[in-house]
Every structure is written in C-alpha cells, then in structure tokens.
C-alpha cells in the first residue's frame, strides 16, 4: 500500500493525514507532523506507512479550499531544513538551457551546459555499487524559503524574472547516526530567475536563491519510473501557457541513487536531525519558449500519482535595502 501524507491545521492545531490508494484521507495518530512521524519510524526501524496508525477521516479538499494545508514537510527550526537541487538531469533538459546560453558562444562550440548534460547521458546511470558522474548542483535556501500550497511565490525586488520549473523533489531526514532516510517524493515548483541565469551561466547560484513550492502530498515509497504531468500558467482565469512534462528515471540521464549519492557524500549534509528537500530537475520551462511571466500569474503543476497540484501565484517582494555596519 502506498500512502500520500499531507500536513494541515485544524482549529489551530497541527494534524498529519495519510491518503490511501483509494483516495481516503485519515488522521495519523502516531504523530501530528511528518517530521515527528519520521522520528518514530527511525526509532522503531519501520517504514512511515508501518508507523502511521490511522484514525478519523479528514477532508483534504476542504482544508485546501480553506487554506489550511501546509507544505508536506517542515522542521521545528527552519534553519535545519536545506533546499537544494540538481540540473541538466533529464533527457532533453539541455535544449532549453542551451538556448539560454548559446547566444554568448561563437560558432558551433558546445556550451558548458551541453557538456554537463552529455556527461550525465554517458555516466549518470552507473551499475549497482558503482559511482556515476556527478551532476550540476545548487543551493536554494533553508526552510524559510519553502512556500505552502496556494501561497505566493515571491520574487525579490531585484529579480529580473520569476519562472516555474516543474519537478519532483525527494524529501529526507538524517537519522541519529548520520544516515539519510528518504521519506518519499513530492511534486514541486523549483522557482528560478532565468533572466539572471541567461546573462551568465556563472550566475546560476544567484538565480536559484529563490523560494520554492511543493504540492500538498508526500508520496511514501518508490517513485514511478515514468512520471507524466502538465505545467501551465493561468492569467486572469485563462490558461496562457501549457505544456506536458516528464520525470522519473525513464526520462532522466541520471538515476535517483546517483543524484542522492553526490548530495549526501558530503558530511555537511548528514547532520543528525536535519531535513533535506532536493529537487531533481526538469526539461520543461516556459521561459525557454519565450514566455514572459507577470505578477499575478498562477503556476499550476500536476502529475500522477499525485492527486493534488502545485498551485501558487507569482508575487514581487518589496525592496529591502541592504546596510552593512562595521562593528
């Protein structure tokens, strides 16, 4: 049985729900947060599903309509939730990136993005027990950058663009002995600034320091090899851009295990108690097709096996001047 876990509030109290294969949602009695349930499962040496004793029925659709659904994972201290990601991991993902960077190149020279992509195609799916090529990697921020379902994705005042990236994210908790435990997978919007990235590929790090959103559900257990969904942008109630997207290992140039290895090989990312949300990349961007987003646009990303979409409006944050004081 595959459960999808949802975090929500109910009369100002936290609740954790589990949705079964038939779409029924019931309260998890063992814990009121996914993080707490993970601690129970790790301590008992069982899976999340085995740790999740269930109680009364919960109406997830009503909670979503009332704005009571939270991000599917958080940490009591947001500084101990790390959001990171990998790029150029999907078959076809180099095309959009290459369009963005090739203007700065001359002749038929391969861009660094294309070279990185080809390295993944050749060595991103190693045999079991072997190490594959490392992917492009980036940092997005801590738990304060994770946006709840339906809440705005805010570009900073200095941003040049705010664009969607429909992706799958893995969610992990580090056990007391430093072992990463994968809780499952979420549908996500790895929100980025593609104009800054296009200006110079060395500005990728700047372009990724943005908020990100996850769908309401965390899928416990394995991710299907072939994930097919739709990414769309809605403006004033009308769909103004839409395109299918693919994920899952059948559509990737890296295995998930290889991406996980190259993230968690660093001791820094195996600190007991920490949470990691790691975005696995995409091959579908509205920006690479020349579409320009506007404040108020709503990003909608949906894909099976997730029942509920990622849906967030685009906003622009107010300017916050930077003052550095000398002590």
Protein backbone atom coordinates (compact mmCIF):
# COMPACT_ATOMS: atom_id res chain seq x y z
CA UNK A 1 0.00 0.00 0.00
CA UNK A 2 1.32 3.47 -0.96
CA UNK A 3 0.37 6.35 1.32
CA UNK A 4 0.49 10.05 0.49
CA UNK A 5 0.98 12.22 3.56
CA UNK A 6 -0.50 15.71 4.00
CA UNK A 7 0.20 18.25 6.74
CA UNK A 8 -2.56 20.64 7.75
CA UNK A 9 -4.02 22.65 10.58
CA UNK A 10 -7.33 22.02 12.32
CA UNK A 11 -8.69 24.52 14.87
CA UNK A 12 -5.17 25.95 15.17
CA UNK A 13 -3.63 22.53 15.93
CA UNK A 14 -1.29 20.63 13.63
CA UNK A 15 -2.55 17.45 12.01
CA UNK A 16 -0.99 14.81 9.76
CA UNK A 17 -3.17 12.88 7.34
CA UNK A 18 -2.48 9.79 5.22
CA UNK A 19 -4.28 9.23 1.91
CA UNK A 20 -4.60 5.57 0.88
CA UNK A 21 -4.73 4.05 -2.60
CA UNK A 22 -8.47 4.66 -2.81
CA UNK A 23 -8.16 8.37 -2.03
CA UNK A 24 -9.43 8.19 1.56
CA UNK A 25 -7.65 10.52 3.99
CA UNK A 26 -7.42 9.70 7.69
CA UNK A 27 -5.64 11.30 10.59
CA UNK A 28 -2.29 9.82 11.60
CA UNK A 29 -2.50 9.11 15.31
CA UNK A 30 1.19 8.41 15.94
CA UNK A 31 2.30 12.00 15.19
CA UNK A 32 0.95 15.41 14.16
CA UNK A 33 3.80 16.26 11.77
CA UNK A 34 5.65 14.29 9.13
CA UNK A 35 8.95 15.12 10.80
CA UNK A 36 7.71 13.63 14.09
CA UNK A 37 6.40 10.53 12.30
CA UNK A 38 9.80 10.10 10.67
CA UNK A 39 11.44 10.14 14.10
CA UNK A 40 9.03 7.43 15.28
CA UNK A 41 9.73 5.30 12.19
CA UNK A 42 13.52 5.68 12.52
CA UNK A 43 13.45 4.83 16.24
CA UNK A 44 11.33 1.71 15.62
CA UNK A 45 13.18 0.64 12.48
CA UNK A 46 9.97 0.62 10.40
CA UNK A 47 8.63 2.47 7.36
CA UNK A 48 6.48 5.60 7.53
CA UNK A 49 3.46 3.56 6.48
CA UNK A 50 4.08 0.98 9.20
CA UNK A 51 4.43 3.74 11.81
CA UNK A 52 1.25 5.54 10.73
CA UNK A 53 -1.65 4.24 12.83
CA UNK A 54 -4.79 5.86 11.44
CA UNK A 55 -7.86 7.45 12.99
CA UNK A 56 -10.77 9.59 11.86
CA UNK A 57 -11.42 10.76 8.29
CA UNK A 58 -10.08 14.16 7.17
CA UNK A 59 -11.44 16.21 4.25
CA UNK A 60 -8.30 17.30 2.40
CA UNK A 61 -10.20 19.14 -0.35
CA UNK A 62 -11.98 21.29 2.23
CA UNK A 63 -8.70 22.01 4.03
CA UNK A 64 -7.14 23.12 0.74
CA UNK A 65 -10.09 25.37 -0.06
CA UNK A 66 -9.82 26.95 3.38
CA UNK A 67 -6.06 27.47 3.13
CA UNK A 68 -5.27 25.07 6.00
CA UNK A 69 -2.87 22.77 4.14
CA UNK A 70 0.82 23.23 4.90
CA UNK A 71 3.90 22.19 2.98
CA UNK A 72 4.18 18.39 3.27
CA UNK A 73 7.43 18.66 5.24
CA UNK A 74 8.94 21.23 7.60
CA UNK A 75 11.32 21.37 10.56
CA UNK A 76 10.75 22.87 14.02
CA UNK A 77 13.77 25.08 13.25
CA UNK A 78 13.62 26.21 9.58
CA UNK A 79 17.40 26.69 9.53
CA UNK A 80 17.71 22.90 9.73
CA UNK A 81 15.78 22.30 6.51
CA UNK A 82 18.02 22.54 3.45
CA UNK A 83 16.64 23.03 -0.07
CA UNK A 84 18.97 22.03 -2.90
CA UNK A 85 18.74 20.70 -6.42
CA UNK A 86 20.38 19.25 -9.49
CA UNK A 87 20.07 20.41 -13.09
CA UNK A 88 20.59 19.00 -16.59
CA UNK A 89 19.39 15.62 -15.34
CA UNK A 90 16.50 14.98 -17.72
CA UNK A 91 16.63 13.80 -21.32
CA UNK A 92 16.04 16.93 -23.36
CA UNK A 93 16.84 19.26 -20.47
CA UNK A 94 19.95 20.62 -22.19
CA UNK A 95 17.92 22.08 -25.08
CA UNK A 96 16.24 24.84 -23.11
CA UNK A 97 19.39 25.66 -21.14
CA UNK A 98 21.44 25.64 -24.34
CA UNK A 99 19.11 28.18 -25.94
CA UNK A 100 19.66 30.46 -22.96
CA UNK A 101 23.46 30.27 -23.08
CA UNK A 102 24.36 29.78 -26.73
CA UNK A 103 23.97 33.45 -27.62
CA UNK A 104 27.13 34.12 -25.61
CA UNK A 105 29.08 31.45 -27.51
CA UNK A 106 30.55 31.61 -31.00
CA UNK A 107 30.42 29.10 -33.83
CA UNK A 108 29.40 25.54 -33.09
CA UNK A 109 31.26 25.29 -29.79
CA UNK A 110 29.45 23.21 -27.18
CA UNK A 111 28.26 25.22 -24.21
CA UNK A 112 29.26 24.15 -20.70
CA UNK A 113 25.61 23.21 -20.16
CA UNK A 114 25.63 20.83 -23.10
CA UNK A 115 28.91 19.29 -21.97
CA UNK A 116 27.49 18.75 -18.48
CA UNK A 117 24.36 17.18 -19.95
CA UNK A 118 26.37 14.80 -22.16
CA UNK A 119 28.46 13.75 -19.17
CA UNK A 120 25.23 12.71 -17.47
CA UNK A 121 24.00 10.81 -20.51
CA UNK A 122 27.28 8.89 -20.63
CA UNK A 123 27.83 8.31 -16.92
CA UNK A 124 24.76 9.26 -14.89
CA UNK A 125 23.33 5.74 -14.63
CA UNK A 126 26.13 3.57 -13.21
CA UNK A 127 25.78 -0.11 -12.42
CA UNK A 128 24.75 -1.01 -8.89
CA UNK A 129 27.55 -0.41 -6.44
CA UNK A 130 29.45 1.92 -8.76
CA UNK A 131 29.72 5.71 -8.64
CA UNK A 132 28.43 7.69 -11.60
CA UNK A 133 29.34 11.15 -12.83
CA UNK A 134 28.36 13.99 -10.51
CA UNK A 135 25.57 16.33 -11.69
CA UNK A 136 25.22 20.08 -11.66
CA UNK A 137 24.25 21.02 -8.09
CA UNK A 138 22.84 24.17 -6.49
CA UNK A 139 21.57 25.56 -3.18
CA UNK A 140 18.15 27.19 -2.90
CA UNK A 141 17.84 28.12 0.75
CA UNK A 142 16.57 26.88 4.09
CA UNK A 143 13.09 26.11 5.35
CA UNK A 144 12.10 29.78 5.38
CA UNK A 145 12.10 29.61 1.55
CA UNK A 146 9.56 26.78 1.35
CA UNK A 147 6.11 28.05 0.34
CA UNK A 148 2.84 26.37 1.39
CA UNK A 149 0.19 25.25 -1.13
CA UNK A 150 -1.69 28.19 -2.62
CA UNK A 151 0.63 30.81 -1.14
CA UNK A 152 2.52 33.30 -3.35
CA UNK A 153 5.94 32.59 -4.78
CA UNK A 154 7.60 35.98 -4.27
CA UNK A 155 10.47 37.16 -6.44
CA UNK A 156 12.85 39.51 -4.63
CA UNK A 157 12.66 43.18 -5.62
CA UNK A 158 15.93 42.92 -7.60
CA UNK A 159 14.84 39.86 -9.60
CA UNK A 160 14.80 40.00 -13.39
CA UNK A 161 12.33 37.14 -13.81
CA UNK A 162 10.21 34.67 -11.88
CA UNK A 163 9.71 31.41 -13.71
CA UNK A 164 8.35 27.96 -12.95
CA UNK A 165 10.26 24.69 -13.02
CA UNK A 166 8.01 21.59 -12.74
CA UNK A 167 9.97 18.95 -10.86
CA UNK A 168 9.97 16.01 -8.50
CA UNK A 169 11.65 16.58 -5.13
CA UNK A 170 12.98 13.97 -2.75
CA UNK A 171 12.47 14.54 0.99
CA UNK A 172 14.95 13.19 3.54
CA UNK A 173 15.54 13.18 7.29
CA UNK A 174 19.01 12.48 8.69
CA UNK A 175 18.95 9.84 11.42
CA UNK A 176 20.81 10.00 14.75
CA UNK A 177 23.76 8.09 13.26
CA UNK A 178 24.04 10.38 10.22
CA UNK A 179 22.17 8.07 7.83
CA UNK A 180 19.90 9.83 5.30
CA UNK A 181 16.37 8.38 5.32
CA UNK A 182 14.22 9.07 2.27
CA UNK A 183 10.66 9.81 3.36
CA UNK A 184 9.33 9.96 -0.19
CA UNK A 185 8.71 12.28 -3.10
CA UNK A 186 6.73 15.47 -3.73
CA UNK A 187 5.60 17.33 -6.81
CA UNK A 188 7.30 20.71 -6.82
CA UNK A 189 7.89 24.09 -8.44
CA UNK A 190 11.60 24.87 -8.26
CA UNK A 191 11.05 28.58 -8.87
CA UNK A 192 14.03 30.38 -10.51
CA UNK A 193 15.22 33.59 -12.20
CA UNK A 194 16.04 32.56 -15.75
CA UNK A 195 16.96 36.05 -17.00
CA UNK A 196 19.81 36.26 -14.49
CA UNK A 197 20.94 32.75 -15.40
CA UNK A 198 20.87 33.56 -19.11
CA UNK A 199 23.10 36.59 -18.54
CA UNK A 200 25.99 34.37 -17.44
CA UNK A 201 25.90 30.70 -16.50
CA UNK A 202 28.15 31.51 -13.52
CA UNK A 203 25.17 33.41 -12.11
CA UNK A 204 23.26 30.15 -11.76
CA UNK A 205 23.83 30.25 -7.99
CA UNK A 206 22.19 33.69 -7.79
CA UNK A 207 19.27 32.62 -9.98
CA UNK A 208 18.46 29.68 -7.70
CA UNK A 209 18.35 31.60 -4.39
CA UNK A 210 14.60 31.87 -4.54
CA UNK A 211 11.53 30.43 -2.84
CA UNK A 212 10.15 27.06 -3.93
CA UNK A 213 6.82 25.27 -3.56
CA UNK A 214 5.83 21.67 -3.02
CA UNK A 215 2.48 20.08 -3.71
CA UNK A 216 0.33 19.13 -0.71
CA UNK A 217 1.33 15.45 -0.74
CA UNK A 218 4.40 13.40 0.01
CA UNK A 219 4.34 10.03 -1.75
CA UNK A 220 5.87 7.40 0.54
CA UNK A 221 7.71 4.59 -1.21
CA UNK A 222 9.25 4.44 -4.68
CA UNK A 223 8.71 6.98 -7.44
CA UNK A 224 7.26 5.57 -10.69
CA UNK A 225 9.88 5.28 -13.43
CA UNK A 226 7.69 7.27 -15.83
CA UNK A 227 6.03 10.39 -14.39
CA UNK A 228 3.90 12.41 -16.81
CA UNK A 229 2.27 15.69 -15.97
CA UNK A 230 1.28 19.15 -17.15
CA UNK A 231 2.74 22.55 -16.35
CA UNK A 232 0.56 25.57 -17.04
CA UNK A 233 0.36 29.30 -16.34
CA UNK A 234 -3.03 30.90 -15.69
CA UNK A 235 -3.56 34.65 -16.09
CA UNK A 236 -6.85 36.30 -15.17
CA UNK A 237 -8.54 32.90 -15.14
CA UNK A 238 -7.29 31.88 -18.60
CA UNK A 239 -4.53 29.42 -19.45
CA UNK A 240 -1.87 31.43 -21.31
CA UNK A 241 0.84 28.75 -21.48
CA UNK A 242 0.70 24.98 -21.09
CA UNK A 243 2.98 22.06 -21.85
CA UNK A 244 3.38 18.43 -20.74
CA UNK A 245 6.47 17.49 -18.75
CA UNK A 246 8.18 14.20 -17.96
CA UNK A 247 10.13 12.95 -14.98
CA UNK A 248 11.07 9.66 -13.36
CA UNK A 249 14.18 7.64 -14.16
CA UNK A 250 12.86 6.52 -17.57
CA UNK A 251 13.07 10.16 -18.64
CA UNK A 252 16.30 11.06 -16.86
CA UNK A 253 20.01 10.88 -17.68
CA UNK A 254 20.84 10.11 -14.02
CA UNK A 255 19.48 7.58 -11.57
CA UNK A 256 17.96 8.95 -8.40
CA UNK A 257 20.51 6.91 -6.46
CA UNK A 258 23.35 8.66 -8.26
CA UNK A 259 21.88 12.11 -7.53
CA UNK A 260 21.36 11.16 -3.89
CA UNK A 261 24.91 9.82 -3.58
CA UNK A 262 26.50 13.01 -4.86
CA UNK A 263 24.44 15.12 -2.47
CA UNK A 264 24.83 13.09 0.68
CA UNK A 265 28.51 12.23 0.15
CA UNK A 266 29.25 15.48 1.98
CA UNK A 267 29.38 15.17 5.76
CA UNK A 268 27.75 18.63 5.97
CA UNK A 269 24.55 17.11 4.60
CA UNK A 270 24.46 14.20 7.04
CA UNK A 271 23.91 16.22 10.22
CA UNK A 272 21.53 14.29 12.53
CA UNK A 273 18.04 15.72 12.69
CA UNK A 274 18.26 17.84 9.54
CA UNK A 275 15.67 17.73 6.75
CA UNK A 276 16.62 17.91 3.07
CA UNK A 277 14.36 18.78 0.14
CA UNK A 278 16.23 18.01 -3.07
CA UNK A 279 14.83 18.93 -6.50
CA UNK A 280 15.78 16.51 -9.27
CA UNK A 281 15.47 18.80 -12.31
CA UNK A 282 13.22 19.33 -15.33
CA UNK A 283 13.27 19.58 -19.12
CA UNK A 284 10.27 21.92 -19.43
CA UNK A 285 10.36 25.71 -18.97
CA UNK A 286 8.01 28.38 -20.30
CA UNK A 287 10.98 30.78 -20.38
CA UNK A 288 12.89 28.69 -22.92
CA UNK A 289 9.93 29.16 -25.29
CA UNK A 290 9.99 32.94 -24.90
CA UNK A 291 7.08 33.26 -22.46
CA UNK A 292 7.26 36.16 -20.00
CA UNK A 293 5.51 35.73 -16.64
CA UNK A 294 3.72 38.58 -14.87
CA UNK A 295 2.90 39.28 -11.24
CA UNK A 296 -0.46 37.64 -10.52
CA UNK A 297 0.09 34.70 -12.85
CA UNK A 298 -0.72 31.35 -11.24
CA UNK A 299 1.64 28.41 -11.74
CA UNK A 300 -0.18 25.06 -11.83
CA UNK A 301 1.74 21.79 -11.97
CA UNK A 302 0.02 18.40 -11.85
CA UNK A 303 1.11 14.81 -12.40
CA UNK A 304 0.09 11.31 -11.41
CA UNK A 305 0.46 9.65 -8.94
CA UNK A 306 -0.19 12.89 -7.03
CA UNK A 307 -3.86 13.76 -6.55
CA UNK A 308 -3.45 17.48 -5.90
CA UNK A 309 -1.48 20.01 -8.00
CA UNK A 310 1.17 22.51 -7.02
CA UNK A 311 -0.61 25.86 -7.37
CA UNK A 312 0.94 29.19 -6.45
CA UNK A 313 0.56 32.78 -7.70
CA UNK A 314 3.57 34.90 -8.65
CA UNK A 315 4.29 37.92 -6.47
CA UNK A 316 7.05 40.54 -6.18
CA UNK A 317 8.58 41.29 -2.80
CA UNK A 318 9.04 44.87 -1.61
CA UNK A 319 12.51 46.36 -1.79
CA UNK A 320 14.65 45.80 1.29
CA UNK A 321 17.79 47.97 1.22
CA UNK A 322 20.98 46.25 2.39
CA UNK A 323 23.01 48.08 5.02
CA UNK A 324 26.26 46.59 6.25
CA UNK A 325 27.50 48.03 9.53
CA UNK A 326 31.02 47.83 10.83
CA UNK A 327 31.50 46.92 14.49
